[in-house]
C-alpha atoms as a PDB file:
ATOM      1  CA  MET A   1      23.870  -5.775  -6.082  1.00  0.00           C
ATOM      2  CA  PHE A   2      20.455  -6.330  -6.346  1.00  0.00           C
ATOM      3  CA  ASP A   3      20.341  -4.177  -9.799  1.00  0.00           C
ATOM      4  CA  GLN A   4      22.955  -6.958 -11.796  1.00  0.00           C
ATOM      5  CA  ILE A   5      19.966  -9.081 -11.309  1.00  0.00           C
ATOM      6  CA  ILE A   6      16.763  -7.617 -11.724  1.00  0.00           C
ATOM      7  CA  ILE A   7      15.104  -6.994 -14.745  1.00  0.00           C
ATOM      8  CA  SER A   8      12.780  -4.657 -15.539  1.00  0.00           C
ATOM      9  CA  SER A   9       9.961  -5.564 -18.060  1.00  0.00           C
ATOM     10  CA  GLY A  10       9.103  -2.122 -18.607  1.00  0.00           C
ATOM     11  CA  VAL A  11       5.657  -1.790 -17.802  1.00  0.00           C
ATOM     12  CA  GLN A  12       3.853  -0.702 -14.987  1.00  0.00           C
ATOM     13  CA  SER A  13       2.215  -3.185 -12.604  1.00  0.00           C
ATOM     14  CA  PRO A  14      -0.788  -1.554 -11.181  1.00  0.00           C
ATOM     15  CA  LEU A  15      -0.635   0.746  -8.126  1.00  0.00           C
ATOM     16  CA  PRO A  16      -1.339  -0.919  -4.342  1.00  0.00           C
ATOM     17  CA  SER A  17      -4.186   0.315  -2.219  1.00  0.00           C
ATOM     18  CA  VAL A  18      -2.068   2.697   0.067  1.00  0.00           C
ATOM     19  CA  THR A  19      -3.136   4.996   2.237  1.00  0.00           C
ATOM     20  CA  ASN A  20      -1.707   8.784   2.942  1.00  0.00           C
ATOM     21  CA  LEU A  21       0.231   9.664   5.918  1.00  0.00           C
ATOM     22  CA  GLN A  22       0.091  13.001   7.777  1.00  0.00           C
ATOM     23  CA  VAL A  23       3.322  13.232   9.649  1.00  0.00           C
ATOM     24  CA  ASP A  24       3.751  16.151  11.658  1.00  0.00           C
ATOM     25  CA  SER A  25       1.096  18.258   9.653  1.00  0.00           C
ATOM     26  CA  VAL A  26       2.992  17.226   6.827  1.00  0.00           C
ATOM     27  CA  ASN A  27       0.699  15.758   4.174  1.00  0.00           C
ATOM     28  CA  PHE A  28       1.658  12.929   1.853  1.00  0.00           C
ATOM     29  CA  PRO A  29      -0.609  11.530  -0.802  1.00  0.00           C
ATOM     30  CA  PRO A  30      -1.156   7.995  -1.398  1.00  0.00           C
ATOM     31  CA  SER A  31       0.321   8.137  -4.679  1.00  0.00           C
ATOM     32  CA  VAL A  32       2.473  10.826  -6.728  1.00  0.00           C
ATOM     33  CA  ILE A  33       3.645  11.497 -10.144  1.00  0.00           C
ATOM     34  CA  SER A  34       7.546  11.535 -10.880  1.00  0.00           C
ATOM     35  CA  PRO A  35       8.806  14.826 -12.214  1.00  0.00           C
ATOM     36  CA  ALA A  36      11.341  12.499 -13.880  1.00  0.00           C
ATOM     37  CA  SER A  37       9.118   9.790 -16.064  1.00  0.00           C
ATOM     38  CA  SER A  38       5.497  10.966 -15.480  1.00  0.00           C
ATOM     39  CA  ASN A  39       4.859   7.271 -14.063  1.00  0.00           C
ATOM     40  CA  ARG A  40       2.673   7.449 -11.227  1.00  0.00           C
ATOM     41  CA  LEU A  41       4.390   5.844  -7.958  1.00  0.00           C
ATOM     42  CA  PHE A  42       3.050   4.931  -4.401  1.00  0.00           C
ATOM     43  CA  LEU A  43       3.938   5.947  -0.925  1.00  0.00           C
ATOM     44  CA  ALA A  44       6.126   3.492   0.654  1.00  0.00           C
ATOM     45  CA  GLY A  45       6.748   5.614   3.655  1.00  0.00           C
ATOM     46  CA  ALA A  46       7.375   8.484   5.660  1.00  0.00           C
ATOM     47  CA  GLY A  47       9.094   9.964   8.722  1.00  0.00           C
ATOM     48  CA  VAL A  48      10.800  12.976  10.269  1.00  0.00           C
ATOM     49  CA  GLN A  49      14.680  14.150  10.028  1.00  0.00           C
ATOM     50  CA  GLY A  50      15.691  15.981  13.287  1.00  0.00           C
ATOM     51  CA  LEU A  51      18.317  16.907  15.318  1.00  0.00           C
ATOM     52  CA  ASP A  52      19.292  17.331  19.244  1.00  0.00           C
ATOM     53  CA  ILE A  53      19.133  20.985  20.418  1.00  0.00           C
ATOM     54  CA  GLN A  54      20.473  21.285  23.953  1.00  0.00           C
ATOM     55  CA  GLY A  55      18.529  18.091  24.999  1.00  0.00           C
ATOM     56  CA  GLU A  56      15.658  18.326  22.881  1.00  0.00           C
ATOM     57  CA  PHE A  57      14.514  16.863  19.231  1.00  0.00           C
ATOM     58  CA  VAL A  58      13.466  19.067  17.456  1.00  0.00           C
ATOM     59  CA  ILE A  59      12.357  18.248  13.730  1.00  0.00           C
ATOM     60  CA  SER A  60      14.363  19.911  10.919  1.00  0.00           C
ATOM     61  CA  THR A  61      12.377  17.647   7.935  1.00  0.00           C
ATOM     62  CA  VAL A  62       9.513  15.396   7.189  1.00  0.00           C
ATOM     63  CA  ILE A  63      10.439  13.023   4.521  1.00  0.00           C
ATOM     64  CA  GLY A  64       8.183  10.652   2.290  1.00  0.00           C
ATOM     65  CA  VAL A  65       9.333   7.606  -0.200  1.00  0.00           C
ATOM     66  CA  TYR A  66       7.526   6.841  -2.809  1.00  0.00           C
ATOM     67  CA  LEU A  67       7.891   3.391  -4.660  1.00  0.00           C
ATOM     68  CA  ASP A  68       7.630   2.564  -8.287  1.00  0.00           C
ATOM     69  CA  PRO A  69       4.587  -0.556  -8.435  1.00  0.00           C
ATOM     70  CA  ASN A  70       7.172  -2.846  -9.803  1.00  0.00           C
ATOM     71  CA  ALA A  71       9.003  -3.095  -6.821  1.00  0.00           C
ATOM     72  CA  VAL A  72       6.468  -5.343  -5.047  1.00  0.00           C
ATOM     73  CA  GLY A  73       7.245  -7.784  -7.634  1.00  0.00           C
ATOM     74  CA  SER A  74      10.685  -7.391  -7.169  1.00  0.00           C
ATOM     75  CA  LEU A  75      10.668  -7.679  -3.425  1.00  0.00           C
ATOM     76  CA  THR A  76       8.642 -10.414  -3.091  1.00  0.00           C
ATOM     77  CA  SER A  77      10.414 -12.550  -5.485  1.00  0.00           C
ATOM     78  CA  PHE A  78      13.222 -12.610  -2.948  1.00  0.00           C
ATOM     79  CA  GLY A  79      11.141 -13.908  -0.681  1.00  0.00           C
ATOM     80  CA  TRP A  80      10.876 -10.701   1.497  1.00  0.00           C
ATOM     81  CA  GLY A  81       7.274 -11.409   1.566  1.00  0.00           C
ATOM     82  CA  CYS A  82       7.419 -14.132   4.098  1.00  0.00           C
ATOM     83  CA  LYS A  83       9.362 -11.548   6.426  1.00  0.00           C
ATOM     84  CA  THR A  84       7.881  -9.875   9.447  1.00  0.00           C
ATOM     85  CA  THR A  85       7.829  -5.862  10.172  1.00  0.00           C
ATOM     86  CA  GLU A  86      10.484  -6.024  12.589  1.00  0.00           C
ATOM     87  CA  GLU A  87      12.886  -8.815  10.459  1.00  0.00           C
ATOM     88  CA  LEU A  88      12.596  -5.935   7.393  1.00  0.00           C
ATOM     89  CA  THR A  89      13.362  -3.178   9.634  1.00  0.00           C
ATOM     90  CA  GLU A  90      16.580  -4.358  10.976  1.00  0.00           C
ATOM     91  CA  SER A  91      17.822  -5.908   7.806  1.00  0.00           C
ATOM     92  CA  VAL A  92      20.644  -4.414   5.526  1.00  0.00           C
ATOM     93  CA  ASN A  93      19.824  -6.476   2.845  1.00  0.00           C
ATOM     94  CA  PHE A  94      16.528  -5.974   2.324  1.00  0.00           C
ATOM     95  CA  PHE A  95      17.018  -1.557   2.274  1.00  0.00           C
ATOM     96  CA  ARG A  96      19.806  -2.189  -0.196  1.00  0.00           C
ATOM     97  CA  HIS A  97      17.409  -4.340  -2.472  1.00  0.00           C
ATOM     98  CA  ILE A  98      15.151  -1.008  -2.409  1.00  0.00           C
ATOM     99  CA  VAL A  99      18.101   1.385  -2.533  1.00  0.00           C
ATOM    100  CA  THR A 100      19.565  -0.791  -5.933  1.00  0.00           C
ATOM    101  CA  GLY A 101      16.708  -2.380  -7.301  1.00  0.00           C
ATOM    102  CA  SER A 102      16.137  -1.487 -10.699  1.00  0.00           C
ATOM    103  CA  PHE A 103      12.826   0.466 -10.300  1.00  0.00           C
ATOM    104  CA  GLU A 104      11.854   3.918  -9.735  1.00  0.00           C
ATOM    105  CA  LYS A 105      12.098   5.819  -6.591  1.00  0.00           C
ATOM    106  CA  PHE A 106      11.078   9.406  -5.459  1.00  0.00           C
ATOM    107  CA  ILE A 107      11.645  11.227  -2.311  1.00  0.00           C
ATOM    108  CA  LYS A 108       9.902  13.895  -1.038  1.00  0.00           C
ATOM    109  CA  VAL A 109      11.522  16.632   1.702  1.00  0.00           C
ATOM    110  CA  THR A 110       9.648  19.208   3.267  1.00  0.00           C
ATOM    111  CA  MET A 111      11.483  21.477   5.435  1.00  0.00           C
ATOM    112  CA  LYS A 112      10.346  22.395   8.887  1.00  0.00           C
ATOM    113  CA  LEU A 113      13.032  24.494   9.820  1.00  0.00           C
ATOM    114  CA  PRO A 114      14.919  27.293   7.574  1.00  0.00           C
ATOM    115  CA  LEU A 115      17.886  25.443   5.917  1.00  0.00           C
ATOM    116  CA  THR A 116      20.449  27.098   3.150  1.00  0.00           C
ATOM    117  CA  GLY A 117      20.914  24.476   0.148  1.00  0.00           C
ATOM    118  CA  GLN A 118      24.719  24.636   0.718  1.00  0.00           C
ATOM    119  CA  ARG A 119      24.288  23.600   4.077  1.00  0.00           C
ATOM    120  CA  TYR A 120      21.956  20.482   3.064  1.00  0.00           C
ATOM    121  CA  SER A 121      23.825  19.667   0.138  1.00  0.00           C
ATOM    122  CA  GLU A 122      27.347  19.495   1.863  1.00  0.00           C
ATOM    123  CA  LYS A 123      25.256  17.320   4.926  1.00  0.00           C
ATOM    124  CA  VAL A 124      23.871  14.800   2.017  1.00  0.00           C
ATOM    125  CA  THR A 125      27.212  14.760   0.556  1.00  0.00           C
ATOM    126  CA  GLU A 126      29.004  14.059   3.453  1.00  0.00           C
ATOM    127  CA  ASN A 127      26.878  11.445   4.240  1.00  0.00           C
ATOM    128  CA  CYS A 128      27.031   9.652   1.011  1.00  0.00           C
ATOM    129  CA  GLU A 129      30.486   9.912   0.992  1.00  0.00           C
ATOM    130  CA  ALA A 130      30.542   7.656   4.526  1.00  0.00           C
ATOM    131  CA  ILE A 131      28.222   5.584   2.934  1.00  0.00           C
ATOM    132  CA  TRP A 132      30.884   4.735  -0.085  1.00  0.00           C
ATOM    133  CA  GLU A 133      33.605   4.497   2.415  1.00  0.00           C
ATOM    134  CA  SER A 134      31.379   1.906   4.636  1.00  0.00           C
ATOM    135  CA  LEU A 135      30.728  -0.202   1.337  1.00  0.00           C
ATOM    136  CA  GLY A 136      34.294  -0.242  -0.117  1.00  0.00           C
ATOM    137  CA  ILE A 137      33.511   2.073  -3.090  1.00  0.00           C
ATOM    138  CA  ASN A 138      36.889   4.016  -3.538  1.00  0.00           C
ATOM    139  CA  SER A 139      37.789   6.545  -6.261  1.00  0.00           C
ATOM    140  CA  ASN A 140      38.716   4.440  -8.899  1.00  0.00           C
ATOM    141  CA  SER A 141      34.959   2.665  -8.861  1.00  0.00           C
ATOM    142  CA  ASP A 142      33.660   4.905 -11.697  1.00  0.00           C
ATOM    143  CA  ILE A 143      35.712   6.890 -14.437  1.00  0.00           C
ATOM    144  CA  SER A 144      34.643   9.885 -16.120  1.00  0.00           C
ATOM    145  CA  CYS A 145      32.912   9.428 -18.923  1.00  0.00           C
ATOM    146  CA  GLY A 146      31.925  13.005 -20.065  1.00  0.00           C
ATOM    147  CA  PRO A 147      31.062  13.749 -24.289  1.00  0.00           C
ATOM    148  CA  PRO A 148      34.087  14.244 -26.310  1.00  0.00           C
ATOM    149  CA  PRO A 149      33.903  17.325 -28.535  1.00  0.00           C
ATOM    150  CA  SER A 150      32.001  15.768 -31.605  1.00  0.00           C
ATOM    151  CA  ALA A 151      29.178  13.882 -29.065  1.00  0.00           C
ATOM    152  CA  LYS A 152      25.569  13.984 -30.814  1.00  0.00           C
ATOM    153  CA  LEU A 153      23.083  16.660 -29.110  1.00  0.00           C
ATOM    154  CA  ARG A 154      20.363  14.520 -27.177  1.00  0.00           C
ATOM    155  CA  PHE A 155      17.011  15.289 -25.897  1.00  0.00           C
ATOM    156  CA  ASN A 156      17.152  15.914 -22.321  1.00  0.00           C
ATOM    157  CA  LYS A 157      13.258  14.732 -21.008  1.00  0.00           C
ATOM    158  CA  ILE A 158      13.924  16.447 -17.585  1.00  0.00           C
ATOM    159  CA  THR A 159      14.967  19.695 -18.783  1.00  0.00           C
ATOM    160  CA  LYS A 160      13.264  19.566 -22.009  1.00  0.00           C
ATOM    161  CA  THR A 161      16.399  21.207 -23.705  1.00  0.00           C
ATOM    162  CA  PHE A 162      19.075  19.132 -26.503  1.00  0.00           C
ATOM    163  CA  GLY A 163      23.000  19.233 -24.624  1.00  0.00           C
ATOM    164  CA  PRO A 164      25.213  16.299 -25.266  1.00  0.00           C
ATOM    165  CA  SER A 165      24.277  13.116 -23.339  1.00  0.00           C
ATOM    166  CA  ARG A 166      26.741  13.198 -20.427  1.00  0.00           C
ATOM    167  CA  HIS A 167      27.599  10.856 -17.517  1.00  0.00           C
ATOM    168  CA  TYR A 168      28.965  11.892 -14.422  1.00  0.00           C
ATOM    169  CA  SER A 169      31.868  10.239 -12.456  1.00  0.00           C
ATOM    170  CA  ARG A 170      31.269  10.194  -8.966  1.00  0.00           C
ATOM    171  CA  GLY A 171      33.363  13.185  -7.942  1.00  0.00           C
ATOM    172  CA  GLN A 172      32.149  15.166 -10.708  1.00  0.00           C
ATOM    173  CA  ALA A 173      28.400  14.219  -9.628  1.00  0.00           C
ATOM    174  CA  VAL A 174      29.144  15.639  -6.506  1.00  0.00           C
ATOM    175  CA  LYS A 175      30.680  18.759  -7.195  1.00  0.00           C
ATOM    176  CA  ARG A 176      27.743  19.427  -9.625  1.00  0.00           C
ATOM    177  CA  PHE A 177      24.967  18.173  -7.117  1.00  0.00           C
ATOM    178  CA  LEU A 178      26.745  20.871  -4.908  1.00  0.00           C
ATOM    179  CA  GLU A 179      26.812  23.407  -7.198  1.00  0.00           C
ATOM    180  CA  ILE A 180      22.775  22.818  -7.377  1.00  0.00           C
ATOM    181  CA  PHE A 181      21.876  23.286  -4.100  1.00  0.00           C
ATOM    182  CA  LYS A 182      24.815  26.431  -3.451  1.00  0.00           C
ATOM    183  CA  PRO A 183      22.085  28.920  -4.072  1.00  0.00           C
ATOM    184  CA  LYS A 184      18.740  27.872  -3.034  1.00  0.00           C
ATOM    185  CA  LYS A 185      17.023  28.767   0.264  1.00  0.00           C
ATOM    186  CA  PHE A 186      14.705  26.862   2.121  1.00  0.00           C
ATOM    187  CA  PRO A 187      12.172  28.269   4.053  1.00  0.00           C
ATOM    188  CA  PRO A 188       9.302  26.078   6.104  1.00  0.00           C
ATOM    189  CA  GLY A 189       7.078  24.442   3.967  1.00  0.00           C
ATOM    190  CA  ALA A 190       9.456  24.206   0.737  1.00  0.00           C
ATOM    191  CA  SER A 191      10.354  20.920  -0.373  1.00  0.00           C
ATOM    192  CA  ILE A 192      13.392  19.467  -2.386  1.00  0.00           C
ATOM    193  CA  LEU A 193      12.422  16.531  -4.841  1.00  0.00           C
ATOM    194  CA  PHE A 194      14.860  13.431  -5.696  1.00  0.00           C
ATOM    195  CA  ALA A 195      13.643  11.026  -8.466  1.00  0.00           C
ATOM    196  CA  ILE A 196      15.677   8.235  -8.981  1.00  0.00           C
ATOM    197  CA  SER A 197      15.417   6.218 -12.341  1.00  0.00           C
ATOM    198  CA  PRO A 198      15.806   1.928 -13.118  1.00  0.00           C
ATOM    199  CA  LYS A 199      19.130   3.203 -14.512  1.00  0.00           C
ATOM    200  CA  GLY A 200      20.454   5.169 -11.928  1.00  0.00           C
ATOM    201  CA  SER A 201      19.624   8.841 -12.905  1.00  0.00           C
ATOM    202  CA  LEU A 202      19.556  11.365 -10.036  1.00  0.00           C
ATOM    203  CA  THR A 203      16.652  14.187 -11.143  1.00  0.00           C
ATOM    204  CA  VAL A 204      16.624  17.086  -8.668  1.00  0.00           C
ATOM    205  CA  ALA A 205      13.413  19.299  -8.253  1.00  0.00           C
ATOM    206  CA  PHE A 206      12.620  22.014  -6.004  1.00  0.00           C
ATOM    207  CA  SER A 207       8.909  23.260  -5.073  1.00  0.00           C
ATOM    208  CA  ASN A 208       7.846  26.601  -2.376  1.00  0.00           C
ATOM    209  CA  ASP A 209       4.988  24.525  -1.226  1.00  0.00           C
ATOM    210  CA  ASP A 210       3.739  21.008  -0.975  1.00  0.00           C
ATOM    211  CA  GLY A 211       2.999  20.651  -5.178  1.00  0.00           C
ATOM    212  CA  ILE A 212       5.271  18.378  -7.191  1.00  0.00           C
ATOM    213  CA  PRO A 213       6.777  20.039 -10.397  1.00  0.00           C
ATOM    214  CA  LYS A 214       6.216  18.338 -13.475  1.00  0.00           C
ATOM    215  CA  ARG A 215       9.704  18.259 -14.383  1.00  0.00           C
ATOM    216  CA  GLY A 216      12.686  18.382 -12.542  1.00  0.00           C
ATOM    217  CA  ASN A 217      15.252  21.070 -12.706  1.00  0.00           C
ATOM    218  CA  THR A 218      18.453  18.891 -13.567  1.00  0.00           C
ATOM    219  CA  ALA A 219      19.605  15.116 -14.075  1.00  0.00           C
ATOM    220  CA  ILE A 220      22.472  14.348 -12.418  1.00  0.00           C
ATOM    221  CA  GLU A 221      23.614  10.835 -14.079  1.00  0.00           C
ATOM    222  CA  ASN A 222      25.769   8.658 -11.580  1.00  0.00           C
ATOM    223  CA  LYS A 223      24.309   5.582  -9.985  1.00  0.00           C
ATOM    224  CA  PHE A 224      26.406   5.754  -6.700  1.00  0.00           C
ATOM    225  CA  LEU A 225      25.312   9.333  -5.982  1.00  0.00           C
ATOM    226  CA  ALA A 226      21.665   8.393  -6.763  1.00  0.00           C
ATOM    227  CA  GLU A 227      21.531   5.486  -4.983  1.00  0.00           C
ATOM    228  CA  ALA A 228      23.314   7.231  -1.819  1.00  0.00           C
ATOM    229  CA  VAL A 229      21.220   9.515  -1.153  1.00  0.00           C
ATOM    230  CA  LEU A 230      18.051   7.200  -0.916  1.00  0.00           C
ATOM    231  CA  GLU A 231      20.281   5.148   1.168  1.00  0.00           C
ATOM    232  CA  SER A 232      21.591   8.356   3.966  1.00  0.00           C
ATOM    233  CA  ILE A 233      17.865   8.840   4.161  1.00  0.00           C
ATOM    234  CA  ILE A 234      16.838   4.517   4.852  1.00  0.00           C
ATOM    235  CA  GLY A 235      20.210   2.902   5.391  1.00  0.00           C
ATOM    236  CA  LYS A 236      21.292   1.583   8.309  1.00  0.00           C
ATOM    237  CA  ASN A 237      22.802   4.590   9.313  1.00  0.00           C
ATOM    238  CA  GLY A 238      19.709   6.875   7.683  1.00  0.00           C
ATOM    239  CA  VAL A 239      18.941  10.408   8.955  1.00  0.00           C
ATOM    240  CA  SER A 240      15.104   9.179   9.348  1.00  0.00           C
ATOM    241  CA  PRO A 241      14.612   6.103  11.575  1.00  0.00           C
ATOM    242  CA  GLY A 242      10.892   6.618  11.386  1.00  0.00           C
ATOM    243  CA  ALA A 243      11.053   7.024   7.409  1.00  0.00           C
ATOM    244  CA  ARG A 244      12.634   3.277   7.539  1.00  0.00           C
ATOM    245  CA  LEU A 245      10.431   1.753  10.061  1.00  0.00           C
ATOM    246  CA  SER A 246       7.255   3.397   8.203  1.00  0.00           C
ATOM    247  CA  VAL A 247       9.259   1.616   4.774  1.00  0.00           C
ATOM    248  CA  ALA A 248       9.074  -1.744   6.375  1.00  0.00           C
ATOM    249  CA  GLU A 249       5.692  -1.659   7.811  1.00  0.00           C
ATOM    250  CA  ARG A 250       3.858  -0.131   4.591  1.00  0.00           C
ATOM    251  CA  LEU A 251       5.853  -2.966   2.092  1.00  0.00           C
ATOM    252  CA  ALA A 252       5.380  -5.731   4.824  1.00  0.00           C
ATOM    253  CA  GLN A 253       1.668  -5.073   4.808  1.00  0.00           C
ATOM    254  CA  VAL A 254       1.617  -4.335   0.598  1.00  0.00           C
ATOM    255  CA  MET A 255       3.479  -7.784  -0.253  1.00  0.00           C
ATOM    256  CA  LYS A 256       1.071  -9.418   2.323  1.00  0.00           C
ATOM    257  CA  ASN A 257      -2.153  -8.673   0.272  1.00  0.00           C
ATOM    258  CA  GLU A 258      -0.251  -9.275  -2.773  1.00  0.00           C
ATOM    259  CA  GLY A 259       0.587 -12.545  -1.219  1.00  0.00           C
ATOM    260  CA  ARG A 260      -3.301 -12.943  -0.352  1.00  0.00           C
ATOM    261  CA  ALA A 261      -4.095 -11.769  -4.048  1.00  0.00           C
ATOM    262  CA  GLU A 262      -2.107 -14.620  -6.022  1.00  0.00           C
ATOM    263  CA  THR A 263      -3.340 -16.926  -3.654  1.00  0.00           C
ATOM    264  CA  LEU A 264      -6.846 -16.487  -4.431  1.00  0.00           C
ATOM    265  CA  ILE A 265      -6.035 -15.923  -8.172  1.00  0.00           C
ATOM    266  CA  LEU A 266      -4.425 -19.407  -8.338  1.00  0.00           C
ATOM    267  CA  ALA A 267      -7.502 -20.927  -6.371  1.00  0.00           C
ATOM    268  CA  ASP A 268      -9.659 -19.534  -8.896  1.00  0.00           C
ATOM    269  CA  LYS A 269      -7.762 -21.258 -11.657  1.00  0.00           C
ATOM    270  CA  LYS A 270      -7.436 -24.212  -9.677  1.00  0.00           C
ATOM    271  CA  PHE A 271     -11.322 -24.176  -9.252  1.00  0.00           C
ATOM    272  CA  MET A 272     -11.906 -23.366 -13.042  1.00  0.00           C
ATOM    273  CA  LYS A 273      -9.897 -26.168 -13.955  1.00  0.00           C
ATOM    274  CA  ASN A 274     -11.220 -28.353 -11.489  1.00  0.00           C
ATOM    275  CA  ASN A 275     -14.753 -27.845 -13.299  1.00  0.00           C
ATOM    276  CA  GLU A 276     -13.234 -28.349 -16.681  1.00  0.00           C
ATOM    277  CA  VAL A 277     -12.318 -31.604 -15.883  1.00  0.00           C
ATOM    278  CA  LYS A 278     -15.875 -32.513 -14.308  1.00  0.00           C
ATOM    279  CA  GLU A 279     -17.527 -30.851 -17.206  1.00  0.00           C
ATOM    280  CA  ASP A 280     -15.147 -33.173 -19.664  1.00  0.00           C
ATOM    281  CA  ALA A 281     -15.742 -36.629 -16.918  1.00  0.00           C
ATOM    282  CA  THR A 282     -19.609 -35.979 -17.150  1.00  0.00           C
ATOM    283  CA  LYS A 283     -19.844 -35.456 -21.271  1.00  0.00           C
ATOM    284  CA  THR A 284     -17.645 -38.365 -21.559  1.00  0.00           C
ATOM    285  CA  LYS A 285     -19.692 -40.454 -19.643  1.00  0.00           C
ATOM    286  CA  THR A 286     -22.907 -39.039 -21.588  1.00  0.00           C
ATOM    287  CA  ASP A 287     -20.997 -39.903 -24.857  1.00  0.00           C
ATOM    288  CA  GLN A 288     -20.793 -43.505 -23.878  1.00  0.00           C
ATOM    289  CA  GLU A 289     -24.244 -44.291 -22.329  1.00  0.00           C
ATOM    290  CA  GLU A 290     -25.766 -42.704 -25.557  1.00  0.00           C
ATOM    291  CA  ALA A 291     -23.357 -45.164 -27.295  1.00  0.00           C
ATOM    292  CA  ASN A 292     -24.456 -47.983 -25.214  1.00  0.00           C
ATOM    293  CA  ASP A 293     -27.902 -47.299 -25.865  1.00  0.00           C
ATOM    294  CA  LEU A 294     -27.221 -46.654 -29.449  1.00  0.00           C
ATOM    295  CA  SER A 295     -25.863 -50.549 -29.287  1.00  0.00           C
ATOM    296  CA  LEU A 296     -28.364 -51.998 -27.514  1.00  0.00           C
ATOM    297  CA  GLY A 297     -31.096 -50.357 -29.658  1.00  0.00           C
ATOM    298  CA  ASP A 298     -29.119 -51.945 -32.630  1.00  0.00           C
ATOM    299  CA  LYS A 299     -29.387 -55.824 -30.999  1.00  0.00           C
ATOM    300  CA  LEU A 300     -32.903 -55.509 -30.493  1.00  0.00           C
ATOM    301  CA  ALA A 301     -33.483 -54.446 -33.807  1.00  0.00           C
ATOM    302  CA  GLU A 302     -31.207 -57.375 -35.022  1.00  0.00           C
ATOM    303  CA  GLU A 303     -33.062 -59.991 -33.015  1.00  0.00           C
ATOM    304  CA  ASN A 304     -36.611 -58.797 -34.161  1.00  0.00           C
END
C-alpha cells in the first residue's frame, strides 16, 4: 500500500487555490476545518449518489471529499501530476493512493432523501465487505487488540473524555460502526461526516444542517474500515462516479498548477544564480583591471 512508503513530515503544506462546488443545491466550500484534527482541508471534489426507481435516477445523497494539502505533494511525487484527467479517472492505483495515503481525508455526506442510520450503515458496511473481498483481505488480516484491564487512561481529543486506548479489530469496528448509526435518523439536509486520520482512525460526526461540528462524536481506530469507507465512494466501484470524476479533474488541475509554481521557483533560482555568477565574473574582471593599472603605475614610477 502507498501508506507504507509515504512519510508525513507533520507540517501542513499551504492550501491550494480551489473554488467551491455547488452540487444539486448543496454547496461545498473551498476548504473546511476537520472535526478530528482542527486542520484546514481543501475541496478535492464532489458528486451525487443515487438509485434507480422505476427507471428514473433519484439522488439520495450529495458527497464532498476534502484532502489535507500534503496530499498534493504526495501524489505529484509519484508522477500523477503528469497524467490527464481521463487517465486519473480510469486509474485504480491513483485512487488507491488517495485512499491509503498518509494524509488526512474528510467526507461530507448530505441527505437529499430521508434515511435511517441503520439502513445507511448496513449499506456502507456491505460495500466495505465487498472491497475487502476484492482486495483479498480476510478475517485474519487484523487482530483484536483491546486494552487489558490495567491499561492506562488516555485523553481522547475527539470526544474530550478520558478512556483506555483501544484499537478495534475489523469485526469489532464494523459492529461499532453499526451501533453508532442504529438510533439515528437523517432528514433531507442532514449530514454525516467522516474524518480519516493519516494513521487510519475513522472519526464519525453528525450535523442537522450544512454545518460542521468542531469535534466528532466517535472515533473508531481501524485502518481497514476507515480506508474502505472512502473507497466505497470514489473507488473503482464506488457509489459516486461523479465524485470520482470531480476528484480526478480538480486534482489534475491542482497538480498542474503546483508543477507550474515549482517551475517558476526553479526558474527564479536559476536566474538569481546566473546573476550571481555574472556579478562575480564582473567583480573579478574589475579587480584584475585595477591590479593591472597599479602594476603599470609602479612600472612608470620606476622608469622615472
